[in-house]
N, C-alpha and C. Protein backbone atom coordinates (compact mmCIF):
# COMPACT_ATOMS: atom_id res chain seq x y z
N MET A 1 0.84 -1.17 0.00
CA MET A 1 0.00 0.00 0.00
C MET A 1 0.89 1.24 0.00
N ALA A 2 0.49 2.25 -0.74
CA ALA A 2 1.27 3.48 -0.84
C ALA A 2 1.20 4.28 0.46
N ALA A 3 2.32 4.87 0.83
CA ALA A 3 2.36 5.74 2.01
C ALA A 3 1.78 7.09 1.64
N THR A 4 0.73 7.49 2.32
CA THR A 4 0.06 8.76 1.99
C THR A 4 0.18 9.81 3.07
N ALA A 5 0.86 9.50 4.16
CA ALA A 5 0.98 10.44 5.27
C ALA A 5 1.67 11.74 4.86
N ARG A 6 2.53 11.69 3.85
CA ARG A 6 3.28 12.88 3.43
C ARG A 6 2.45 13.81 2.56
N LEU A 7 1.30 13.34 2.08
CA LEU A 7 0.49 14.14 1.16
C LEU A 7 -0.23 15.28 1.89
N PRO A 8 -0.41 16.42 1.20
CA PRO A 8 -1.13 17.54 1.80
C PRO A 8 -2.58 17.17 2.08
N GLU A 9 -3.19 17.87 3.00
CA GLU A 9 -4.59 17.65 3.33
C GLU A 9 -5.47 17.92 2.12
N PRO A 10 -6.58 17.20 1.97
CA PRO A 10 -7.47 17.41 0.83
C PRO A 10 -8.41 18.60 1.02
N VAL A 11 -7.85 19.77 1.14
CA VAL A 11 -8.63 20.99 1.30
C VAL A 11 -8.64 21.71 -0.05
N SER A 12 -9.82 22.03 -0.56
CA SER A 12 -9.90 22.58 -1.91
C SER A 12 -9.10 23.87 -2.09
N GLU A 13 -9.01 24.69 -1.05
CA GLU A 13 -8.23 25.93 -1.16
C GLU A 13 -6.76 25.64 -1.43
N ALA A 14 -6.26 24.53 -0.92
CA ALA A 14 -4.86 24.17 -1.12
C ALA A 14 -4.59 23.73 -2.55
N TRP A 15 -5.63 23.36 -3.28
CA TRP A 15 -5.48 22.85 -4.65
C TRP A 15 -5.99 23.83 -5.70
N HIS A 16 -6.48 24.97 -5.30
CA HIS A 16 -7.08 25.93 -6.22
C HIS A 16 -6.12 26.35 -7.34
N TRP A 17 -4.84 26.38 -7.06
CA TRP A 17 -3.85 26.78 -8.06
C TRP A 17 -3.91 25.90 -9.30
N GLN A 18 -4.33 24.66 -9.15
CA GLN A 18 -4.36 23.75 -10.29
C GLN A 18 -5.34 24.21 -11.39
N LEU A 19 -6.33 24.98 -11.01
CA LEU A 19 -7.29 25.49 -11.99
C LEU A 19 -6.64 26.42 -13.00
N HIS A 20 -5.49 26.98 -12.65
CA HIS A 20 -4.80 27.95 -13.51
C HIS A 20 -3.56 27.37 -14.19
N ALA A 21 -3.34 26.07 -14.04
CA ALA A 21 -2.15 25.43 -14.58
C ALA A 21 -2.16 25.39 -16.11
N ALA A 22 -1.03 25.65 -16.71
CA ALA A 22 -0.91 25.62 -18.17
C ALA A 22 -1.12 24.21 -18.73
N CYS A 23 -0.91 23.20 -17.92
CA CYS A 23 -1.04 21.82 -18.37
C CYS A 23 -2.46 21.28 -18.23
N ARG A 24 -3.34 22.05 -17.66
CA ARG A 24 -4.67 21.57 -17.30
C ARG A 24 -5.42 20.89 -18.45
N GLU A 25 -5.31 21.40 -19.64
CA GLU A 25 -6.05 20.85 -20.78
C GLU A 25 -5.19 19.94 -21.66
N LEU A 26 -3.95 19.69 -21.25
CA LEU A 26 -3.05 18.87 -22.06
C LEU A 26 -3.08 17.41 -21.61
N SER A 27 -2.66 16.54 -22.51
CA SER A 27 -2.60 15.12 -22.20
C SER A 27 -1.52 14.85 -21.15
N THR A 28 -1.81 13.98 -20.22
CA THR A 28 -0.83 13.63 -19.20
C THR A 28 0.37 12.89 -19.80
N SER A 29 0.21 12.35 -21.00
CA SER A 29 1.32 11.63 -21.63
C SER A 29 2.50 12.55 -21.94
N ARG A 30 2.26 13.85 -21.95
CA ARG A 30 3.36 14.80 -22.15
C ARG A 30 4.23 14.89 -20.90
N PHE A 31 3.65 14.64 -19.75
CA PHE A 31 4.32 14.86 -18.48
C PHE A 31 4.76 13.57 -17.76
N PHE A 32 4.19 12.44 -18.17
CA PHE A 32 4.49 11.16 -17.54
C PHE A 32 4.94 10.17 -18.60
N HIS A 33 6.08 9.53 -18.39
CA HIS A 33 6.65 8.65 -19.40
C HIS A 33 5.90 7.33 -19.50
N PRO A 34 5.77 6.83 -20.71
CA PRO A 34 5.19 5.50 -20.87
C PRO A 34 6.20 4.44 -20.42
N GLU A 35 5.71 3.25 -20.19
CA GLU A 35 6.58 2.16 -19.76
C GLU A 35 7.70 1.94 -20.78
N ASN A 36 8.89 1.77 -20.27
CA ASN A 36 10.09 1.49 -21.07
C ASN A 36 10.59 2.65 -21.92
N GLU A 37 10.11 3.86 -21.71
CA GLU A 37 10.65 5.00 -22.45
C GLU A 37 12.03 5.33 -21.90
N ARG A 38 13.00 5.48 -22.81
CA ARG A 38 14.38 5.73 -22.38
C ARG A 38 15.06 6.67 -23.36
N GLY A 39 16.26 7.05 -22.99
CA GLY A 39 17.15 7.79 -23.88
C GLY A 39 16.59 9.08 -24.42
N SER A 40 16.85 9.32 -25.71
CA SER A 40 16.48 10.60 -26.31
C SER A 40 14.97 10.78 -26.37
N ALA A 41 14.20 9.71 -26.50
CA ALA A 41 12.74 9.84 -26.52
C ALA A 41 12.26 10.41 -25.18
N ARG A 42 12.80 9.90 -24.10
CA ARG A 42 12.40 10.39 -22.77
C ARG A 42 12.89 11.82 -22.56
N ASP A 43 14.12 12.08 -22.94
CA ASP A 43 14.67 13.43 -22.80
C ASP A 43 13.85 14.46 -23.58
N ASN A 44 13.47 14.11 -24.81
CA ASN A 44 12.69 15.03 -25.64
C ASN A 44 11.30 15.27 -25.08
N ARG A 45 10.64 14.22 -24.59
CA ARG A 45 9.31 14.39 -23.99
C ARG A 45 9.40 15.28 -22.75
N GLU A 46 10.41 15.03 -21.93
CA GLU A 46 10.58 15.82 -20.72
C GLU A 46 10.88 17.28 -21.05
N ARG A 47 11.70 17.51 -22.06
CA ARG A 47 12.02 18.88 -22.48
C ARG A 47 10.76 19.61 -22.94
N ARG A 48 9.92 18.95 -23.71
CA ARG A 48 8.66 19.56 -24.18
C ARG A 48 7.73 19.86 -23.00
N ALA A 49 7.68 18.97 -22.03
CA ALA A 49 6.85 19.19 -20.84
C ALA A 49 7.34 20.40 -20.06
N LYS A 50 8.65 20.51 -19.92
CA LYS A 50 9.22 21.63 -19.17
C LYS A 50 8.98 22.97 -19.86
N LEU A 51 8.86 22.98 -21.19
CA LEU A 51 8.54 24.22 -21.90
C LEU A 51 7.16 24.72 -21.49
N VAL A 52 6.23 23.80 -21.30
CA VAL A 52 4.89 24.17 -20.81
C VAL A 52 5.01 24.73 -19.40
N CYS A 53 5.76 24.05 -18.56
CA CYS A 53 5.91 24.46 -17.16
C CYS A 53 6.51 25.86 -17.04
N HIS A 54 7.51 26.15 -17.85
CA HIS A 54 8.21 27.42 -17.71
C HIS A 54 7.38 28.62 -18.15
N GLN A 55 6.24 28.36 -18.78
CA GLN A 55 5.31 29.44 -19.14
C GLN A 55 4.09 29.45 -18.22
N CYS A 56 4.09 28.62 -17.22
CA CYS A 56 2.92 28.42 -16.38
C CYS A 56 2.86 29.44 -15.23
N PRO A 57 1.68 30.04 -15.01
CA PRO A 57 1.55 31.03 -13.93
C PRO A 57 1.59 30.42 -12.53
N VAL A 58 1.43 29.11 -12.42
CA VAL A 58 1.43 28.49 -11.09
C VAL A 58 2.62 27.55 -10.88
N LEU A 59 3.69 27.77 -11.63
CA LEU A 59 4.88 26.93 -11.50
C LEU A 59 5.37 26.84 -10.06
N PRO A 60 5.48 27.93 -9.32
CA PRO A 60 5.98 27.82 -7.93
C PRO A 60 5.10 26.93 -7.05
N GLN A 61 3.79 27.05 -7.19
CA GLN A 61 2.88 26.23 -6.38
C GLN A 61 2.99 24.75 -6.77
N CYS A 62 3.09 24.49 -8.06
CA CYS A 62 3.21 23.12 -8.55
C CYS A 62 4.51 22.49 -8.05
N ARG A 63 5.58 23.22 -8.16
CA ARG A 63 6.89 22.71 -7.71
C ARG A 63 6.87 22.45 -6.21
N ALA A 64 6.30 23.38 -5.44
CA ALA A 64 6.23 23.20 -3.99
C ALA A 64 5.42 21.96 -3.64
N HIS A 65 4.31 21.78 -4.33
CA HIS A 65 3.49 20.58 -4.08
C HIS A 65 4.29 19.31 -4.38
N ALA A 66 4.95 19.28 -5.54
CA ALA A 66 5.68 18.08 -5.95
C ALA A 66 6.79 17.73 -4.96
N LEU A 67 7.46 18.73 -4.45
CA LEU A 67 8.53 18.47 -3.49
C LEU A 67 7.98 18.05 -2.14
N LYS A 68 6.91 18.72 -1.70
CA LYS A 68 6.32 18.37 -0.41
C LYS A 68 5.71 16.97 -0.43
N ALA A 69 5.02 16.64 -1.53
CA ALA A 69 4.37 15.34 -1.65
C ALA A 69 5.34 14.26 -2.12
N ARG A 70 6.54 14.69 -2.50
CA ARG A 70 7.56 13.76 -3.01
C ARG A 70 7.01 12.95 -4.19
N GLU A 71 6.43 13.70 -5.13
CA GLU A 71 5.89 13.06 -6.34
C GLU A 71 6.99 12.26 -7.01
N PRO A 72 6.80 10.96 -7.18
CA PRO A 72 7.88 10.13 -7.73
C PRO A 72 7.95 10.12 -9.25
N TYR A 73 6.87 10.47 -9.93
CA TYR A 73 6.84 10.32 -11.39
C TYR A 73 6.45 11.61 -12.09
N GLY A 74 6.93 11.74 -13.31
CA GLY A 74 6.50 12.83 -14.18
C GLY A 74 7.25 14.12 -13.98
N VAL A 75 6.83 15.10 -14.78
CA VAL A 75 7.37 16.46 -14.69
C VAL A 75 6.36 17.29 -13.90
N TRP A 76 6.82 17.91 -12.86
CA TRP A 76 6.00 18.77 -11.99
C TRP A 76 6.78 20.05 -11.73
N GLY A 77 6.15 21.18 -11.88
CA GLY A 77 6.80 22.45 -11.56
C GLY A 77 8.10 22.66 -12.30
N GLY A 78 8.19 22.15 -13.51
CA GLY A 78 9.40 22.33 -14.31
C GLY A 78 10.55 21.44 -13.93
N LEU A 79 10.31 20.46 -13.07
CA LEU A 79 11.36 19.54 -12.63
C LEU A 79 11.02 18.12 -13.02
N GLY A 80 12.00 17.40 -13.50
CA GLY A 80 11.84 15.99 -13.79
C GLY A 80 12.05 15.14 -12.55
N GLU A 81 11.84 13.87 -12.69
CA GLU A 81 11.94 12.94 -11.57
C GLU A 81 13.31 12.99 -10.89
N ARG A 82 14.37 12.94 -11.68
CA ARG A 82 15.73 12.95 -11.11
C ARG A 82 16.02 14.27 -10.40
N GLU A 83 15.58 15.37 -11.00
CA GLU A 83 15.83 16.68 -10.39
C GLU A 83 15.14 16.79 -9.03
N ARG A 84 13.90 16.31 -8.95
CA ARG A 84 13.19 16.34 -7.66
C ARG A 84 13.87 15.43 -6.64
N ARG A 85 14.26 14.23 -7.07
CA ARG A 85 14.95 13.32 -6.14
C ARG A 85 16.21 13.96 -5.59
N ASP A 86 16.97 14.64 -6.46
CA ASP A 86 18.20 15.29 -6.03
C ASP A 86 17.92 16.39 -5.01
N LEU A 87 16.92 17.22 -5.28
CA LEU A 87 16.57 18.30 -4.34
C LEU A 87 16.11 17.73 -3.00
N ILE A 88 15.28 16.70 -3.04
CA ILE A 88 14.80 16.10 -1.81
C ILE A 88 15.95 15.48 -1.03
N ALA A 89 16.86 14.82 -1.73
CA ALA A 89 18.01 14.21 -1.06
C ALA A 89 18.89 15.25 -0.38
N ARG A 90 18.95 16.44 -0.97
CA ARG A 90 19.76 17.53 -0.38
C ARG A 90 18.96 18.35 0.64
N GLY A 91 17.72 17.94 0.89
CA GLY A 91 16.90 18.62 1.88
C GLY A 91 16.31 19.93 1.40
N ARG A 92 16.21 20.10 0.09
CA ARG A 92 15.71 21.37 -0.47
C ARG A 92 14.28 21.19 -0.97
N THR A 93 13.36 21.02 -0.02
CA THR A 93 11.96 20.81 -0.39
C THR A 93 11.09 22.04 -0.14
N ALA A 94 11.65 23.09 0.37
CA ALA A 94 10.86 24.30 0.67
C ALA A 94 10.79 25.18 -0.55
């Protein structure tokens, strides 16, 4: 069973920022890799996802959520999985 204690409380005010996200109407396949995606295909998909993030008005809120919740997959707040893991490992989740 997944550990959910680290997740933020389900209060709608805490999630309101998502209504303004640039990715809201886009396919999740742009932000989450399919099984066995590797190499340049994965790098290119992630780069395209980050272009959306870098134009997003709620990038700081998205990034803060991803770091606090320790989102393990996908591109969140302009950061890929490895980038988030590195920041969390260095204690930079704020």
